[in-house]
Structures are given as structure tokens and as C-alpha cells.
Amino acid sequence: MKRLREARGLSQEKLGEHADFHRTYVSQLERCVTNISIDGLERLAAALGVDVVDLLQPLENERKGA
């Protein structure tokens, strides 16, 4: 999520505004300290302009066990 957010030039605050989340919630999601509902996942995907499936993909280095 952070990678997608940064690639779009969005701050946590701006992404939160687009997805109707508070900036601190976006931060918690990026740090994996909280969970997100399916509805929230859909809002986040829409705000980032991606499909929900894109948010569920592991990072390349995580797939390789690094």
C-alpha cells in the first residue's frame, strides 16, 4: 500500500482524504498494526486507482523470502 501511495505522489493524509480515512489509520495500515474491512479495502483501492487484488499481492522481496 505504501509503495502504491508513494508512486502516486500521495501523502498519508491525502490518501486518507480520498478514501475517507484518518491519516493515522492509513499509517496503521501501512505498518500492519490494524486490520481493514472489505469495504475499507474497496475504498482504499478506489482511492489508489487499483483493483482490490492489487492490494492483496505480496511484495516481490517477500515472495522470495527476503
PDB file of N, CA and C in Angstrom:
ATOM      1  N   MET A   1       0.818  -1.173   0.000  1.00  0.00           N
ATOM      2  CA  MET A   1       0.000   0.000   0.000  1.00  0.00           C
ATOM      3  C   MET A   1       0.877   1.258   0.000  1.00  0.00           C
ATOM      4  N   LYS A   2       1.876   1.285   0.831  1.00  0.00           N
ATOM      5  CA  LYS A   2       2.760   2.449   0.891  1.00  0.00           C
ATOM      6  C   LYS A   2       3.428   2.685  -0.451  1.00  0.00           C
ATOM      7  N   ARG A   3       3.879   1.605  -1.080  1.00  0.00           N
ATOM      8  CA  ARG A   3       4.540   1.702  -2.380  1.00  0.00           C
ATOM      9  C   ARG A   3       3.595   2.324  -3.411  1.00  0.00           C
ATOM     10  N   LEU A   4       2.343   1.879  -3.436  1.00  0.00           N
ATOM     11  CA  LEU A   4       1.354   2.420  -4.367  1.00  0.00           C
ATOM     12  C   LEU A   4       1.049   3.884  -4.050  1.00  0.00           C
ATOM     13  N   ARG A   5       0.925   4.190  -2.776  1.00  0.00           N
ATOM     14  CA  ARG A   5       0.637   5.572  -2.355  1.00  0.00           C
ATOM     15  C   ARG A   5       1.760   6.500  -2.785  1.00  0.00           C
ATOM     16  N   GLU A   6       2.984   6.096  -2.509  1.00  0.00           N
ATOM     17  CA  GLU A   6       4.129   6.939  -2.850  1.00  0.00           C
ATOM     18  C   GLU A   6       4.299   7.066  -4.357  1.00  0.00           C
ATOM     19  N   ALA A   7       4.012   5.999  -5.108  1.00  0.00           N
ATOM     20  CA  ALA A   7       4.128   6.044  -6.567  1.00  0.00           C
ATOM     21  C   ALA A   7       3.144   7.048  -7.171  1.00  0.00           C
ATOM     22  N   ARG A   8       2.060   7.309  -6.463  1.00  0.00           N
ATOM     23  CA  ARG A   8       1.058   8.265  -6.927  1.00  0.00           C
ATOM     24  C   ARG A   8       1.275   9.658  -6.341  1.00  0.00           C
ATOM     25  N   GLY A   9       2.339   9.794  -5.574  1.00  0.00           N
ATOM     26  CA  GLY A   9       2.671  11.093  -5.006  1.00  0.00           C
ATOM     27  C   GLY A   9       1.701  11.558  -3.933  1.00  0.00           C
ATOM     28  N   LEU A  10       1.079  10.606  -3.245  1.00  0.00           N
ATOM     29  CA  LEU A  10       0.104  10.943  -2.209  1.00  0.00           C
ATOM     30  C   LEU A  10       0.714  10.841  -0.819  1.00  0.00           C
ATOM     31  N   SER A  11       0.389  11.794   0.016  1.00  0.00           N
ATOM     32  CA  SER A  11       0.758  11.694   1.430  1.00  0.00           C
ATOM     33  C   SER A  11      -0.262  10.780   2.105  1.00  0.00           C
ATOM     34  N   GLN A  12       0.044  10.358   3.306  1.00  0.00           N
ATOM     35  CA  GLN A  12      -0.928   9.563   4.066  1.00  0.00           C
ATOM     36  C   GLN A  12      -2.209  10.364   4.274  1.00  0.00           C
ATOM     37  N   GLU A  13      -2.055  11.641   4.508  1.00  0.00           N
ATOM     38  CA  GLU A  13      -3.216  12.500   4.731  1.00  0.00           C
ATOM     39  C   GLU A  13      -4.093  12.582   3.486  1.00  0.00           C
ATOM     40  N   LYS A  14      -3.478  12.779   2.304  1.00  0.00           N
ATOM     41  CA  LYS A  14      -4.250  12.877   1.062  1.00  0.00           C
ATOM     42  C   LYS A  14      -4.936  11.553   0.734  1.00  0.00           C
ATOM     43  N   LEU A  15      -4.233  10.442   0.923  1.00  0.00           N
ATOM     44  CA  LEU A  15      -4.852   9.143   0.676  1.00  0.00           C
ATOM     45  C   LEU A  15      -6.027   8.955   1.620  1.00  0.00           C
ATOM     46  N   GLY A  16      -5.845   9.334   2.869  1.00  0.00           N
ATOM     47  CA  GLY A  16      -6.934   9.244   3.826  1.00  0.00           C
ATOM     48  C   GLY A  16      -8.137  10.061   3.401  1.00  0.00           C
ATOM     49  N   GLU A  17      -7.890  11.259   2.894  1.00  0.00           N
ATOM     50  CA  GLU A  17      -8.993  12.105   2.418  1.00  0.00           C
ATOM     51  C   GLU A  17      -9.734  11.436   1.269  1.00  0.00           C
ATOM     52  N   HIS A  18      -8.991  10.866   0.319  1.00  0.00           N
ATOM     53  CA  HIS A  18      -9.607  10.227  -0.848  1.00  0.00           C
ATOM     54  C   HIS A  18     -10.400   8.971  -0.460  1.00  0.00           C
ATOM     55  N   ALA A  19      -9.937   8.261   0.553  1.00  0.00           N
ATOM     56  CA  ALA A  19     -10.598   7.020   0.969  1.00  0.00           C
ATOM     57  C   ALA A  19     -11.529   7.219   2.157  1.00  0.00           C
ATOM     58  N   ASP A  20     -11.604   8.448   2.660  1.00  0.00           N
ATOM     59  CA  ASP A  20     -12.422   8.782   3.823  1.00  0.00           C
ATOM     60  C   ASP A  20     -11.926   8.059   5.076  1.00  0.00           C
ATOM     61  N   PHE A  21     -10.604   8.071   5.264  1.00  0.00           N
ATOM     62  CA  PHE A  21      -9.945   7.528   6.448  1.00  0.00           C
ATOM     63  C   PHE A  21      -9.147   8.647   7.109  1.00  0.00           C
ATOM     64  N   HIS A  22      -8.872   8.495   8.378  1.00  0.00           N
ATOM     65  CA  HIS A  22      -7.982   9.423   9.064  1.00  0.00           C
ATOM     66  C   HIS A  22      -6.546   9.050   8.727  1.00  0.00           C
ATOM     67  N   ARG A  23      -5.675  10.043   8.687  1.00  0.00           N
ATOM     68  CA  ARG A  23      -4.267   9.804   8.362  1.00  0.00           C
ATOM     69  C   ARG A  23      -3.628   8.771   9.281  1.00  0.00           C
ATOM     70  N   THR A  24      -3.981   8.789  10.551  1.00  0.00           N
ATOM     71  CA  THR A  24      -3.370   7.830  11.483  1.00  0.00           C
ATOM     72  C   THR A  24      -3.802   6.399  11.165  1.00  0.00           C
ATOM     73  N   TYR A  25      -5.011   6.233  10.622  1.00  0.00           N
ATOM     74  CA  TYR A  25      -5.468   4.892  10.237  1.00  0.00           C
ATOM     75  C   TYR A  25      -4.664   4.406   9.027  1.00  0.00           C
ATOM     76  N   VAL A  26      -4.406   5.302   8.081  1.00  0.00           N
ATOM     77  CA  VAL A  26      -3.581   4.944   6.923  1.00  0.00           C
ATOM     78  C   VAL A  26      -2.193   4.510   7.409  1.00  0.00           C
ATOM     79  N   SER A  27      -1.637   5.244   8.355  1.00  0.00           N
ATOM     80  CA  SER A  27      -0.339   4.903   8.922  1.00  0.00           C
ATOM     81  C   SER A  27      -0.372   3.521   9.573  1.00  0.00           C
ATOM     82  N   GLN A  28      -1.411   3.256  10.330  1.00  0.00           N
ATOM     83  CA  GLN A  28      -1.543   1.949  10.992  1.00  0.00           C
ATOM     84  C   GLN A  28      -1.643   0.821   9.973  1.00  0.00           C
ATOM     85  N   LEU A  29      -2.373   1.056   8.891  1.00  0.00           N
ATOM     86  CA  LEU A  29      -2.483   0.039   7.843  1.00  0.00           C
ATOM     87  C   LEU A  29      -1.128  -0.232   7.200  1.00  0.00           C
ATOM     88  N   GLU A  30      -0.397   0.824   6.924  1.00  0.00           N
ATOM     89  CA  GLU A  30       0.914   0.657   6.299  1.00  0.00           C
ATOM     90  C   GLU A  30       1.888  -0.079   7.204  1.00  0.00           C
ATOM     91  N   ARG A  31       1.748   0.086   8.494  1.00  0.00           N
ATOM     92  CA  ARG A  31       2.642  -0.591   9.448  1.00  0.00           C
ATOM     93  C   ARG A  31       2.102  -1.944   9.886  1.00  0.00           C
ATOM     94  N   CYS A  32       0.952  -2.337   9.330  1.00  0.00           N
ATOM     95  CA  CYS A  32       0.328  -3.637   9.631  1.00  0.00           C
ATOM     96  C   CYS A  32       0.006  -3.786  11.112  1.00  0.00           C
ATOM     97  N   VAL A  33      -0.437  -2.700  11.744  1.00  0.00           N
ATOM     98  CA  VAL A  33      -0.800  -2.782  13.159  1.00  0.00           C
ATOM     99  C   VAL A  33      -2.312  -2.832  13.354  1.00  0.00           C
ATOM    100  N   THR A  34      -3.062  -2.751  12.254  1.00  0.00           N
ATOM    101  CA  THR A  34      -4.516  -2.868  12.333  1.00  0.00           C
ATOM    102  C   THR A  34      -5.003  -3.580  11.080  1.00  0.00           C
ATOM    103  N   ASN A  35      -6.213  -4.061  11.142  1.00  0.00           N
ATOM    104  CA  ASN A  35      -6.823  -4.741  10.005  1.00  0.00           C
ATOM    105  C   ASN A  35      -7.813  -3.817   9.327  1.00  0.00           C
ATOM    106  N   ILE A  36      -8.198  -4.187   8.117  1.00  0.00           N
ATOM    107  CA  ILE A  36      -9.123  -3.375   7.342  1.00  0.00           C
ATOM    108  C   ILE A  36     -10.296  -4.243   6.910  1.00  0.00           C
ATOM    109  N   SER A  37     -11.469  -3.637   6.848  1.00  0.00           N
ATOM    110  CA  SER A  37     -12.662  -4.360   6.389  1.00  0.00           C
ATOM    111  C   SER A  37     -12.636  -4.460   4.867  1.00  0.00           C
ATOM    112  N   ILE A  38     -13.479  -5.291   4.320  1.00  0.00           N
ATOM    113  CA  ILE A  38     -13.577  -5.414   2.866  1.00  0.00           C
ATOM    114  C   ILE A  38     -14.056  -4.093   2.268  1.00  0.00           C
ATOM    115  N   ASP A  39     -15.009  -3.451   2.919  1.00  0.00           N
ATOM    116  CA  ASP A  39     -15.488  -2.154   2.463  1.00  0.00           C
ATOM    117  C   ASP A  39     -14.338  -1.145   2.441  1.00  0.00           C
ATOM    118  N   GLY A  40     -13.542  -1.133   3.490  1.00  0.00           N
ATOM    119  CA  GLY A  40     -12.401  -0.232   3.564  1.00  0.00           C
ATOM    120  C   GLY A  40     -11.371  -0.537   2.492  1.00  0.00           C
ATOM    121  N   LEU A  41     -11.167  -1.815   2.233  1.00  0.00           N
ATOM    122  CA  LEU A  41     -10.229  -2.233   1.196  1.00  0.00           C
ATOM    123  C   LEU A  41     -10.692  -1.728  -0.169  1.00  0.00           C
ATOM    124  N   GLU A  42     -11.992  -1.792  -0.416  1.00  0.00           N
ATOM    125  CA  GLU A  42     -12.546  -1.293  -1.677  1.00  0.00           C
ATOM    126  C   GLU A  42     -12.365   0.214  -1.791  1.00  0.00           C
ATOM    127  N   ARG A  43     -12.585   0.940  -0.704  1.00  0.00           N
ATOM    128  CA  ARG A  43     -12.401   2.397  -0.711  1.00  0.00           C
ATOM    129  C   ARG A  43     -10.942   2.763  -0.946  1.00  0.00           C
ATOM    130  N   LEU A  44     -10.051   2.018  -0.318  1.00  0.00           N
ATOM    131  CA  LEU A  44      -8.625   2.255  -0.475  1.00  0.00           C
ATOM    132  C   LEU A  44      -8.185   1.978  -1.912  1.00  0.00           C
ATOM    133  N   ALA A  45      -8.651   0.887  -2.488  1.00  0.00           N
ATOM    134  CA  ALA A  45      -8.315   0.554  -3.873  1.00  0.00           C
ATOM    135  C   ALA A  45      -8.817   1.643  -4.822  1.00  0.00           C
ATOM    136  N   ALA A  46     -10.034   2.113  -4.609  1.00  0.00           N
ATOM    137  CA  ALA A  46     -10.589   3.168  -5.452  1.00  0.00           C
ATOM    138  C   ALA A  46      -9.759   4.445  -5.321  1.00  0.00           C
ATOM    139  N   ALA A  47      -9.354   4.782  -4.116  1.00  0.00           N
ATOM    140  CA  ALA A  47      -8.558   5.993  -3.886  1.00  0.00           C
ATOM    141  C   ALA A  47      -7.197   5.900  -4.563  1.00  0.00           C
ATOM    142  N   LEU A  48      -6.655   4.689  -4.645  1.00  0.00           N
ATOM    143  CA  LEU A  48      -5.354   4.484  -5.277  1.00  0.00           C
ATOM    144  C   LEU A  48      -5.472   4.206  -6.774  1.00  0.00           C
ATOM    145  N   GLY A  49      -6.700   3.986  -7.247  1.00  0.00           N
ATOM    146  CA  GLY A  49      -6.909   3.708  -8.663  1.00  0.00           C
ATOM    147  C   GLY A  49      -6.436   2.330  -9.081  1.00  0.00           C
ATOM    148  N   VAL A  50      -6.567   1.359  -8.171  1.00  0.00           N
ATOM    149  CA  VAL A  50      -6.161  -0.014  -8.466  1.00  0.00           C
ATOM    150  C   VAL A  50      -7.300  -0.961  -8.134  1.00  0.00           C
ATOM    151  N   ASP A  51      -7.155  -2.203  -8.527  1.00  0.00           N
ATOM    152  CA  ASP A  51      -8.108  -3.239  -8.170  1.00  0.00           C
ATOM    153  C   ASP A  51      -7.776  -3.743  -6.766  1.00  0.00           C
ATOM    154  N   VAL A  52      -8.783  -4.205  -6.050  1.00  0.00           N
ATOM    155  CA  VAL A  52      -8.570  -4.737  -4.698  1.00  0.00           C
ATOM    156  C   VAL A  52      -7.497  -5.823  -4.709  1.00  0.00           C
ATOM    157  N   VAL A  53      -7.480  -6.632  -5.746  1.00  0.00           N
ATOM    158  CA  VAL A  53      -6.500  -7.728  -5.852  1.00  0.00           C
ATOM    159  C   VAL A  53      -5.078  -7.189  -5.798  1.00  0.00           C
ATOM    160  N   ASP A  54      -4.858  -6.008  -6.375  1.00  0.00           N
ATOM    161  CA  ASP A  54      -3.518  -5.407  -6.354  1.00  0.00           C
ATOM    162  C   ASP A  54      -3.050  -5.115  -4.933  1.00  0.00           C
ATOM    163  N   LEU A  55      -3.976  -4.795  -4.055  1.00  0.00           N
ATOM    164  CA  LEU A  55      -3.615  -4.508  -2.665  1.00  0.00           C
ATOM    165  C   LEU A  55      -3.308  -5.781  -1.876  1.00  0.00           C
ATOM    166  N   LEU A  56      -3.753  -6.907  -2.382  1.00  0.00           N
ATOM    167  CA  LEU A  56      -3.566  -8.170  -1.669  1.00  0.00           C
ATOM    168  C   LEU A  56      -2.331  -8.939  -2.126  1.00  0.00           C
ATOM    169  N   GLN A  57      -1.636  -8.410  -3.134  1.00  0.00           N
ATOM    170  CA  GLN A  57      -0.445  -9.076  -3.647  1.00  0.00           C
ATOM    171  C   GLN A  57       0.738  -8.831  -2.717  1.00  0.00           C
ATOM    172  N   PRO A  58       1.498  -9.878  -2.410  1.00  0.00           N
ATOM    173  CA  PRO A  58       2.702  -9.671  -1.595  1.00  0.00           C
ATOM    174  C   PRO A  58       3.762  -8.938  -2.414  1.00  0.00           C
ATOM    175  N   LEU A  59       4.645  -8.237  -1.727  1.00  0.00           N
ATOM    176  CA  LEU A  59       5.752  -7.564  -2.400  1.00  0.00           C
ATOM    177  C   LEU A  59       6.697  -8.598  -2.964  1.00  0.00           C
ATOM    178  N   GLU A  60       7.414  -8.242  -4.020  1.00  0.00           N
ATOM    179  CA  GLU A  60       8.332  -9.162  -4.680  1.00  0.00           C
ATOM    180  C   GLU A  60       9.351  -9.769  -3.717  1.00  0.00           C
ATOM    181  N   ASN A  61       9.992  -8.932  -2.875  1.00  0.00           N
ATOM    182  CA  ASN A  61      11.027  -9.457  -1.983  1.00  0.00           C
ATOM    183  C   ASN A  61      10.428 -10.340  -0.896  1.00  0.00           C
ATOM    184  N   GLU A  62       9.153 -10.168  -0.559  1.00  0.00           N
ATOM    185  CA  GLU A  62       8.516 -11.045   0.416  1.00  0.00           C
ATOM    186  C   GLU A  62       8.243 -12.405  -0.190  1.00  0.00           C
ATOM    187  N   ARG A  63       7.921 -12.441  -1.490  1.00  0.00           N
ATOM    188  CA  ARG A  63       7.691 -13.706  -2.175  1.00  0.00           C
ATOM    189  C   ARG A  63       8.955 -14.542  -2.225  1.00  0.00           C
ATOM    190  N   LYS A  64      10.106 -13.869  -2.317  1.00  0.00           N
ATOM    191  CA  LYS A  64      11.384 -14.561  -2.422  1.00  0.00           C
ATOM    192  C   LYS A  64      11.951 -14.927  -1.062  1.00  0.00           C
ATOM    193  N   GLY A  65      11.244 -14.544   0.000  1.00  0.00           N
ATOM    194  CA  GLY A  65      11.692 -14.890   1.332  1.00  0.00           C
ATOM    195  C   GLY A  65      12.751 -13.965   1.892  1.00  0.00           C
ATOM    196  N   ALA A  66      12.958 -12.831   1.248  1.00  0.00           N
ATOM    197  CA  ALA A  66      13.988 -11.887   1.701  1.00  0.00           C
ATOM    198  C   ALA A  66      13.452 -10.978   2.781  1.00  0.00           C
TER     199      ALA A  66
END
